[in-house]
Amino acid sequence: IVRDFAREVVAPVIAEHYERHTFPYEVIRQMGKMGL
């Protein structure tokens, strides 16, 4: 489940956050809903 989430949700957006030095709030919210 976490592997799929990382590939399908994190991977498409993280490079832009990394370059802009921004915190990925939308990813964190989804992780919260997953119970991580």
All heavy atoms as atom14 arrays in JSON, in Angstrom:
{
  "sequence": "IVRDFAREVVAPVIAEHYERHTFPYEVIRQMGKMGL",
  "atom14_mask": [
    [1, 1, 1, 1, 1, 1, 1, 1, 0, 0, 0, 0, 0, 0],
    [1, 1, 1, 1, 1, 1, 1, 0, 0, 0, 0, 0, 0, 0],
    [1, 1, 1, 1, 1, 1, 1, 1, 1, 1, 1, 0, 0, 0],
    [1, 1, 1, 1, 1, 1, 1, 1, 0, 0, 0, 0, 0, 0],
    [1, 1, 1, 1, 1, 1, 1, 1, 1, 1, 1, 0, 0, 0],
    [1, 1, 1, 1, 1, 0, 0, 0, 0, 0, 0, 0, 0, 0],
    [1, 1, 1, 1, 1, 1, 1, 1, 1, 1, 1, 0, 0, 0],
    [1, 1, 1, 1, 1, 1, 1, 1, 1, 0, 0, 0, 0, 0],
    [1, 1, 1, 1, 1, 1, 1, 0, 0, 0, 0, 0, 0, 0],
    [1, 1, 1, 1, 1, 1, 1, 0, 0, 0, 0, 0, 0, 0],
    [1, 1, 1, 1, 1, 0, 0, 0, 0, 0, 0, 0, 0, 0],
    [1, 1, 1, 1, 1, 1, 1, 0, 0, 0, 0, 0, 0, 0],
    [1, 1, 1, 1, 1, 1, 1, 0, 0, 0, 0, 0, 0, 0],
    [1, 1, 1, 1, 1, 1, 1, 1, 0, 0, 0, 0, 0, 0],
    [1, 1, 1, 1, 1, 0, 0, 0, 0, 0, 0, 0, 0, 0],
    [1, 1, 1, 1, 1, 1, 1, 1, 1, 0, 0, 0, 0, 0],
    [1, 1, 1, 1, 1, 1, 1, 1, 1, 1, 0, 0, 0, 0],
    [1, 1, 1, 1, 1, 1, 1, 1, 1, 1, 1, 1, 0, 0],
    [1, 1, 1, 1, 1, 1, 1, 1, 1, 0, 0, 0, 0, 0],
    [1, 1, 1, 1, 1, 1, 1, 1, 1, 1, 1, 0, 0, 0],
    [1, 1, 1, 1, 1, 1, 1, 1, 1, 1, 0, 0, 0, 0],
    [1, 1, 1, 1, 1, 1, 1, 0, 0, 0, 0, 0, 0, 0],
    [1, 1, 1, 1, 1, 1, 1, 1, 1, 1, 1, 0, 0, 0],
    [1, 1, 1, 1, 1, 1, 1, 0, 0, 0, 0, 0, 0, 0],
    [1, 1, 1, 1, 1, 1, 1, 1, 1, 1, 1, 1, 0, 0],
    [1, 1, 1, 1, 1, 1, 1, 1, 1, 0, 0, 0, 0, 0],
    [1, 1, 1, 1, 1, 1, 1, 0, 0, 0, 0, 0, 0, 0],
    [1, 1, 1, 1, 1, 1, 1, 1, 0, 0, 0, 0, 0, 0],
    [1, 1, 1, 1, 1, 1, 1, 1, 1, 1, 1, 0, 0, 0],
    [1, 1, 1, 1, 1, 1, 1, 1, 1, 0, 0, 0, 0, 0],
    [1, 1, 1, 1, 1, 1, 1, 1, 0, 0, 0, 0, 0, 0],
    [1, 1, 1, 1, 0, 0, 0, 0, 0, 0, 0, 0, 0, 0],
    [1, 1, 1, 1, 1, 1, 1, 1, 1, 0, 0, 0, 0, 0],
    [1, 1, 1, 1, 1, 1, 1, 1, 0, 0, 0, 0, 0, 0],
    [1, 1, 1, 1, 0, 0, 0, 0, 0, 0, 0, 0, 0, 0],
    [1, 1, 1, 1, 1, 1, 1, 1, 0, 0, 0, 0, 0, 0]
  ],
  "atom14_positions": [
    [[0.83, -1.2, 0.0], [0.0, 0.0, 0.0], [0.87, 1.26, 0.0], [0.64, 2.2, -0.77], [-0.95, 0.0, 1.22], [-2.04, -1.06, 1.05], [-1.58, 1.38, 1.42], [-2.87, -1.28, 2.29], [0.0, 0.0, 0.0], [0.0, 0.0, 0.0], [0.0, 0.0, 0.0], [0.0, 0.0, 0.0], [0.0, 0.0, 0.0], [0.0, 0.0, 0.0]],
    [[1.88, 1.27, 0.87], [2.76, 2.45, 0.95], [3.62, 2.54, -0.31], [3.87, 3.65, -0.81], [3.63, 2.39, 2.21], [4.54, 3.61, 2.28], [2.77, 2.32, 3.47], [0.0, 0.0, 0.0], [0.0, 0.0, 0.0], [0.0, 0.0, 0.0], [0.0, 0.0, 0.0], [0.0, 0.0, 0.0], [0.0, 0.0, 0.0], [0.0, 0.0, 0.0]],
    [[4.05, 1.42, -0.85], [4.85, 1.44, -2.09], [4.04, 2.06, -3.22], [4.55, 2.91, -3.97], [5.28, 0.02, -2.45], [6.13, -0.06, -3.72], [6.6, -1.49, -3.97], [7.44, -1.97, -2.89], [7.95, -3.21, -2.82], [7.65, -4.09, -3.77], [8.71, -3.57, -1.81], [0.0, 0.0, 0.0], [0.0, 0.0, 0.0], [0.0, 0.0, 0.0]],
    [[2.78, 1.66, -3.35], [1.93, 2.22, -4.4], [1.71, 3.71, -4.18], [1.73, 4.51, -5.14], [0.59, 1.49, -4.44], [0.71, 0.07, -4.97], [1.73, -0.26, -5.6], [-0.24, -0.72, -4.74], [0.0, 0.0, 0.0], [0.0, 0.0, 0.0], [0.0, 0.0, 0.0], [0.0, 0.0, 0.0], [0.0, 0.0, 0.0], [0.0, 0.0, 0.0]],
    [[1.5, 4.1, -2.93], [1.29, 5.51, -2.61], [2.53, 6.33, -2.99], [2.42, 7.41, -3.58], [1.0, 5.67, -1.12], [0.92, 7.09, -0.65], [-0.22, 7.84, -0.86], [1.99, 7.68, -0.01], [-0.3, 9.16, -0.44], [1.93, 9.0, 0.42], [0.78, 9.75, 0.2], [0.0, 0.0, 0.0], [0.0, 0.0, 0.0], [0.0, 0.0, 0.0]],
    [[3.71, 5.81, -2.65], [4.95, 6.53, -2.95], [5.12, 6.72, -4.46], [5.51, 7.79, -4.93], [6.14, 5.78, -2.36], [0.0, 0.0, 0.0], [0.0, 0.0, 0.0], [0.0, 0.0, 0.0], [0.0, 0.0, 0.0], [0.0, 0.0, 0.0], [0.0, 0.0, 0.0], [0.0, 0.0, 0.0], [0.0, 0.0, 0.0], [0.0, 0.0, 0.0]],
    [[4.81, 5.68, -5.21], [5.0, 5.74, -6.66], [3.93, 6.58, -7.36], [4.23, 7.32, -8.31], [4.99, 4.33, -7.24], [6.21, 3.5, -6.84], [6.07, 2.07, -7.33], [7.27, 1.28, -7.04], [7.38, -0.03, -7.24], [6.33, -0.7, -7.73], [8.5, -0.67, -6.97], [0.0, 0.0, 0.0], [0.0, 0.0, 0.0], [0.0, 0.0, 0.0]],
    [[2.69, 6.48, -6.88], [1.58, 7.11, -7.59], [1.27, 8.53, -7.1], [0.75, 9.35, -7.87], [0.33, 6.24, -7.45], [0.48, 4.86, -8.09], [-0.66, 3.93, -7.75], [-1.66, 4.41, -7.14], [-0.57, 2.73, -8.07], [0.0, 0.0, 0.0], [0.0, 0.0, 0.0], [0.0, 0.0, 0.0], [0.0, 0.0, 0.0], [0.0, 0.0, 0.0]],
    [[1.57, 8.81, -5.82], [1.23, 10.12, -5.25], [2.46, 10.98, -5.0], [2.5, 12.15, -5.37], [0.43, 9.95, -3.94], [0.12, 11.3, -3.32], [-0.86, 9.18, -4.2], [0.0, 0.0, 0.0], [0.0, 0.0, 0.0], [0.0, 0.0, 0.0], [0.0, 0.0, 0.0], [0.0, 0.0, 0.0], [0.0, 0.0, 0.0], [0.0, 0.0, 0.0]],
    [[3.48, 10.39, -4.39], [4.67, 11.18, -4.04], [5.52, 11.46, -5.27], [5.92, 12.61, -5.52], [5.51, 10.45, -2.97], [6.75, 11.28, -2.63], [4.69, 10.2, -1.72], [0.0, 0.0, 0.0], [0.0, 0.0, 0.0], [0.0, 0.0, 0.0], [0.0, 0.0, 0.0], [0.0, 0.0, 0.0], [0.0, 0.0, 0.0], [0.0, 0.0, 0.0]],
    [[5.84, 10.43, -6.04], [6.78, 10.58, -7.15], [6.4, 11.68, -8.15], [7.28, 12.44, -8.59], [6.94, 9.24, -7.87], [0.0, 0.0, 0.0], [0.0, 0.0, 0.0], [0.0, 0.0, 0.0], [0.0, 0.0, 0.0], [0.0, 0.0, 0.0], [0.0, 0.0, 0.0], [0.0, 0.0, 0.0], [0.0, 0.0, 0.0], [0.0, 0.0, 0.0]],
    [[5.13, 11.82, -8.53], [4.8, 12.84, -9.55], [4.99, 14.28, -9.1], [5.11, 15.18, -9.94], [3.32, 12.56, -9.86], [3.11, 11.14, -9.46], [3.97, 10.95, -8.25], [0.0, 0.0, 0.0], [0.0, 0.0, 0.0], [0.0, 0.0, 0.0], [0.0, 0.0, 0.0], [0.0, 0.0, 0.0], [0.0, 0.0, 0.0], [0.0, 0.0, 0.0]],
    [[5.0, 14.54, -7.79], [5.02, 15.94, -7.32], [6.27, 16.32, -6.56], [6.55, 17.51, -6.39], [3.79, 16.22, -6.41], [2.49, 15.95, -7.17], [3.84, 15.41, -5.12], [0.0, 0.0, 0.0], [0.0, 0.0, 0.0], [0.0, 0.0, 0.0], [0.0, 0.0, 0.0], [0.0, 0.0, 0.0], [0.0, 0.0, 0.0], [0.0, 0.0, 0.0]],
    [[7.05, 15.35, -6.1], [8.1, 15.67, -5.13], [9.26, 16.43, -5.76], [9.9, 17.26, -5.09], [8.6, 14.39, -4.41], [9.34, 14.79, -3.13], [9.47, 13.55, -5.33], [8.51, 15.56, -2.13], [0.0, 0.0, 0.0], [0.0, 0.0, 0.0], [0.0, 0.0, 0.0], [0.0, 0.0, 0.0], [0.0, 0.0, 0.0], [0.0, 0.0, 0.0]],
    [[9.56, 16.19, -7.03], [10.7, 16.89, -7.65], [10.48, 18.39, -7.64], [11.41, 19.17, -7.36], [10.91, 16.38, -9.08], [0.0, 0.0, 0.0], [0.0, 0.0, 0.0], [0.0, 0.0, 0.0], [0.0, 0.0, 0.0], [0.0, 0.0, 0.0], [0.0, 0.0, 0.0], [0.0, 0.0, 0.0], [0.0, 0.0, 0.0], [0.0, 0.0, 0.0]],
    [[9.25, 18.83, -7.91], [8.96, 20.27, -7.9], [9.09, 20.84, -6.49], [9.65, 21.93, -6.29], [7.56, 20.55, -8.45], [7.23, 22.03, -8.53], [5.88, 22.31, -9.16], [5.22, 21.34, -9.58], [5.49, 23.48, -9.2], [0.0, 0.0, 0.0], [0.0, 0.0, 0.0], [0.0, 0.0, 0.0], [0.0, 0.0, 0.0], [0.0, 0.0, 0.0]],
    [[8.57, 20.12, -5.5], [8.73, 20.58, -4.11], [10.21, 20.66, -3.74], [10.64, 21.59, -3.05], [8.01, 19.62, -3.16], [6.53, 19.82, -3.1], [5.96, 20.97, -2.59], [5.5, 19.02, -3.48], [4.64, 20.87, -2.65], [4.34, 19.7, -3.19], [0.0, 0.0, 0.0], [0.0, 0.0, 0.0], [0.0, 0.0, 0.0], [0.0, 0.0, 0.0]],
    [[10.97, 19.67, -4.19], [12.39, 19.62, -3.86], [13.12, 20.82, -4.45], [13.94, 21.45, -3.78], [12.97, 18.31, -4.41], [14.33, 17.94, -3.86], [14.44, 17.13, -2.72], [15.5, 18.37, -4.47], [15.68, 16.77, -2.22], [16.74, 18.02, -3.97], [16.83, 17.22, -2.85], [18.06, 16.87, -2.35], [0.0, 0.0, 0.0], [0.0, 0.0, 0.0]],
    [[12.83, 21.13, -5.68], [13.49, 22.25, -6.36], [13.08, 23.59, -5.77], [13.89, 24.52, -5.66], [13.2, 22.21, -7.85], [13.95, 21.11, -8.59], [15.46, 21.24, -8.43], [16.01, 22.27, -8.84], [16.07, 20.3, -7.88], [0.0, 0.0, 0.0], [0.0, 0.0, 0.0], [0.0, 0.0, 0.0], [0.0, 0.0, 0.0], [0.0, 0.0, 0.0]],
    [[11.8, 23.71, -5.38], [11.29, 24.97, -4.86], [11.46, 25.1, -3.34], [11.19, 26.14, -2.76], [9.81, 25.12, -5.21], [9.55, 25.24, -6.72], [8.07, 25.12, -7.03], [7.27, 26.09, -6.25], [5.96, 26.01, -6.08], [5.28, 24.99, -6.62], [5.32, 26.9, -5.38], [0.0, 0.0, 0.0], [0.0, 0.0, 0.0], [0.0, 0.0, 0.0]],
    [[11.95, 24.03, -2.71], [12.11, 24.0, -1.26], [10.79, 24.28, -0.55], [10.72, 25.07, 0.4], [13.18, 25.01, -0.8], [14.56, 24.69, -1.27], [15.68, 25.03, -0.56], [15.03, 24.05, -2.37], [16.76, 24.63, -1.22], [16.37, 24.03, -2.31], [0.0, 0.0, 0.0], [0.0, 0.0, 0.0], [0.0, 0.0, 0.0], [0.0, 0.0, 0.0]],
    [[9.73, 23.61, -1.0], [8.41, 23.79, -0.41], [7.97, 22.5, 0.28], [8.35, 21.41, -0.13], [7.38, 24.2, -1.47], [7.41, 23.25, -2.56], [7.68, 25.59, -2.0], [0.0, 0.0, 0.0], [0.0, 0.0, 0.0], [0.0, 0.0, 0.0], [0.0, 0.0, 0.0], [0.0, 0.0, 0.0], [0.0, 0.0, 0.0], [0.0, 0.0, 0.0]],
    [[7.15, 22.66, 1.28], [6.69, 21.53, 2.07], [5.46, 20.9, 1.4], [4.51, 21.61, 1.06], [6.33, 22.01, 3.49], [6.08, 20.9, 4.47], [7.11, 20.14, 4.97], [4.79, 20.62, 4.91], [6.88, 19.12, 5.89], [4.54, 19.62, 5.82], [5.59, 18.86, 6.32], [0.0, 0.0, 0.0], [0.0, 0.0, 0.0], [0.0, 0.0, 0.0]],
    [[5.45, 19.59, 1.22], [4.36, 18.94, 0.47], [3.12, 18.69, 1.32], [2.78, 17.54, 1.64], [5.0, 17.64, 0.01], [5.96, 17.3, 1.11], [6.51, 18.63, 1.58], [0.0, 0.0, 0.0], [0.0, 0.0, 0.0], [0.0, 0.0, 0.0], [0.0, 0.0, 0.0], [0.0, 0.0, 0.0], [0.0, 0.0, 0.0], [0.0, 0.0, 0.0]],
    [[2.4, 19.74, 1.66], [1.24, 19.61, 2.54], [0.2, 18.63, 1.99], [-0.42, 17.88, 2.74], [0.57, 20.98, 2.75], [1.35, 21.91, 3.65], [2.11, 22.94, 3.11], [1.34, 21.75, 5.03], [2.84, 23.81, 3.92], [2.07, 22.62, 5.85], [2.81, 23.63, 5.3], [3.53, 24.48, 6.11], [0.0, 0.0, 0.0], [0.0, 0.0, 0.0]],
    [[-0.01, 18.64, 0.65], [-1.03, 17.78, 0.08], [-0.67, 16.3, 0.26], [-1.55, 15.45, 0.48], [-1.24, 18.11, -1.4], [-0.16, 17.66, -2.36], [1.08, 18.53, -2.39], [1.22, 19.43, -1.52], [1.92, 18.32, -3.28], [0.0, 0.0, 0.0], [0.0, 0.0, 0.0], [0.0, 0.0, 0.0], [0.0, 0.0, 0.0], [0.0, 0.0, 0.0]],
    [[0.62, 15.98, 0.21], [1.07, 14.6, 0.43], [0.91, 14.21, 1.89], [0.44, 13.11, 2.22], [2.54, 14.44, -0.01], [3.07, 13.06, 0.38], [2.69, 14.66, -1.51], [0.0, 0.0, 0.0], [0.0, 0.0, 0.0], [0.0, 0.0, 0.0], [0.0, 0.0, 0.0], [0.0, 0.0, 0.0], [0.0, 0.0, 0.0], [0.0, 0.0, 0.0]],
    [[1.27, 15.13, 2.78], [1.17, 14.86, 4.21], [-0.28, 14.63, 4.63], [-0.58, 13.75, 5.44], [1.79, 16.02, 5.02], [3.27, 16.21, 4.64], [1.66, 15.76, 6.52], [4.12, 14.97, 4.75], [0.0, 0.0, 0.0], [0.0, 0.0, 0.0], [0.0, 0.0, 0.0], [0.0, 0.0, 0.0], [0.0, 0.0, 0.0], [0.0, 0.0, 0.0]],
    [[-1.19, 15.41, 4.05], [-2.61, 15.22, 4.37], [-3.08, 13.83, 3.98], [-3.81, 13.16, 4.73], [-3.45, 16.29, 3.65], [-3.48, 17.64, 4.34], [-4.57, 18.53, 3.77], [-4.3, 18.89, 2.39], [-3.6, 19.96, 2.02], [-3.12, 20.79, 2.94], [-3.4, 20.23, 0.74], [0.0, 0.0, 0.0], [0.0, 0.0, 0.0], [0.0, 0.0, 0.0]],
    [[-2.65, 13.37, 2.82], [-3.06, 12.03, 2.38], [-2.44, 10.95, 3.25], [-3.08, 9.94, 3.54], [-2.67, 11.83, 0.91], [-3.47, 12.69, -0.05], [-3.15, 12.41, -1.49], [-3.39, 11.32, -2.0], [-2.57, 13.4, -2.17], [0.0, 0.0, 0.0], [0.0, 0.0, 0.0], [0.0, 0.0, 0.0], [0.0, 0.0, 0.0], [0.0, 0.0, 0.0]],
    [[-1.21, 11.16, 3.69], [-0.57, 10.21, 4.6], [-1.33, 10.13, 5.92], [-1.46, 9.06, 6.52], [0.89, 10.61, 4.83], [1.78, 10.38, 3.62], [3.37, 11.25, 3.72], [4.06, 10.56, 5.23], [0.0, 0.0, 0.0], [0.0, 0.0, 0.0], [0.0, 0.0, 0.0], [0.0, 0.0, 0.0], [0.0, 0.0, 0.0], [0.0, 0.0, 0.0]],
    [[-1.83, 11.29, 6.36], [-2.62, 11.3, 7.58], [-3.9, 10.5, 7.43], [-4.27, 9.72, 8.31], [0.0, 0.0, 0.0], [0.0, 0.0, 0.0], [0.0, 0.0, 0.0], [0.0, 0.0, 0.0], [0.0, 0.0, 0.0], [0.0, 0.0, 0.0], [0.0, 0.0, 0.0], [0.0, 0.0, 0.0], [0.0, 0.0, 0.0], [0.0, 0.0, 0.0]],
    [[-4.57, 10.67, 6.29], [-5.81, 9.92, 6.05], [-5.56, 8.43, 5.96], [-6.43, 7.61, 6.3], [-6.47, 10.43, 4.77], [-7.0, 11.85, 4.87], [-7.6, 12.33, 3.55], [-8.13, 13.75, 3.66], [-8.67, 14.25, 2.36], [0.0, 0.0, 0.0], [0.0, 0.0, 0.0], [0.0, 0.0, 0.0], [0.0, 0.0, 0.0], [0.0, 0.0, 0.0]],
    [[-4.36, 8.04, 5.51], [-4.0, 6.63, 5.42], [-3.68, 6.03, 6.79], [-3.59, 4.8, 6.93], [-2.78, 6.45, 4.51], [-3.03, 6.76, 3.06], [-1.47, 6.78, 2.11], [-0.93, 5.07, 2.29], [0.0, 0.0, 0.0], [0.0, 0.0, 0.0], [0.0, 0.0, 0.0], [0.0, 0.0, 0.0], [0.0, 0.0, 0.0], [0.0, 0.0, 0.0]],
    [[-3.48, 6.88, 7.79], [-3.16, 6.4, 9.13], [-1.68, 6.17, 9.39], [-1.31, 5.57, 10.4], [0.0, 0.0, 0.0], [0.0, 0.0, 0.0], [0.0, 0.0, 0.0], [0.0, 0.0, 0.0], [0.0, 0.0, 0.0], [0.0, 0.0, 0.0], [0.0, 0.0, 0.0], [0.0, 0.0, 0.0], [0.0, 0.0, 0.0], [0.0, 0.0, 0.0]],
    [[-0.82, 6.69, 8.5], [0.62, 6.42, 8.66], [1.2, 7.05, 9.91], [2.12, 6.49, 10.52], [1.38, 6.91, 7.42], [1.02, 6.26, 6.08], [1.99, 6.71, 4.98], [1.03, 4.73, 6.2], [0.0, 0.0, 0.0], [0.0, 0.0, 0.0], [0.0, 0.0, 0.0], [0.0, 0.0, 0.0], [0.0, 0.0, 0.0], [0.0, 0.0, 0.0]]
  ]
}
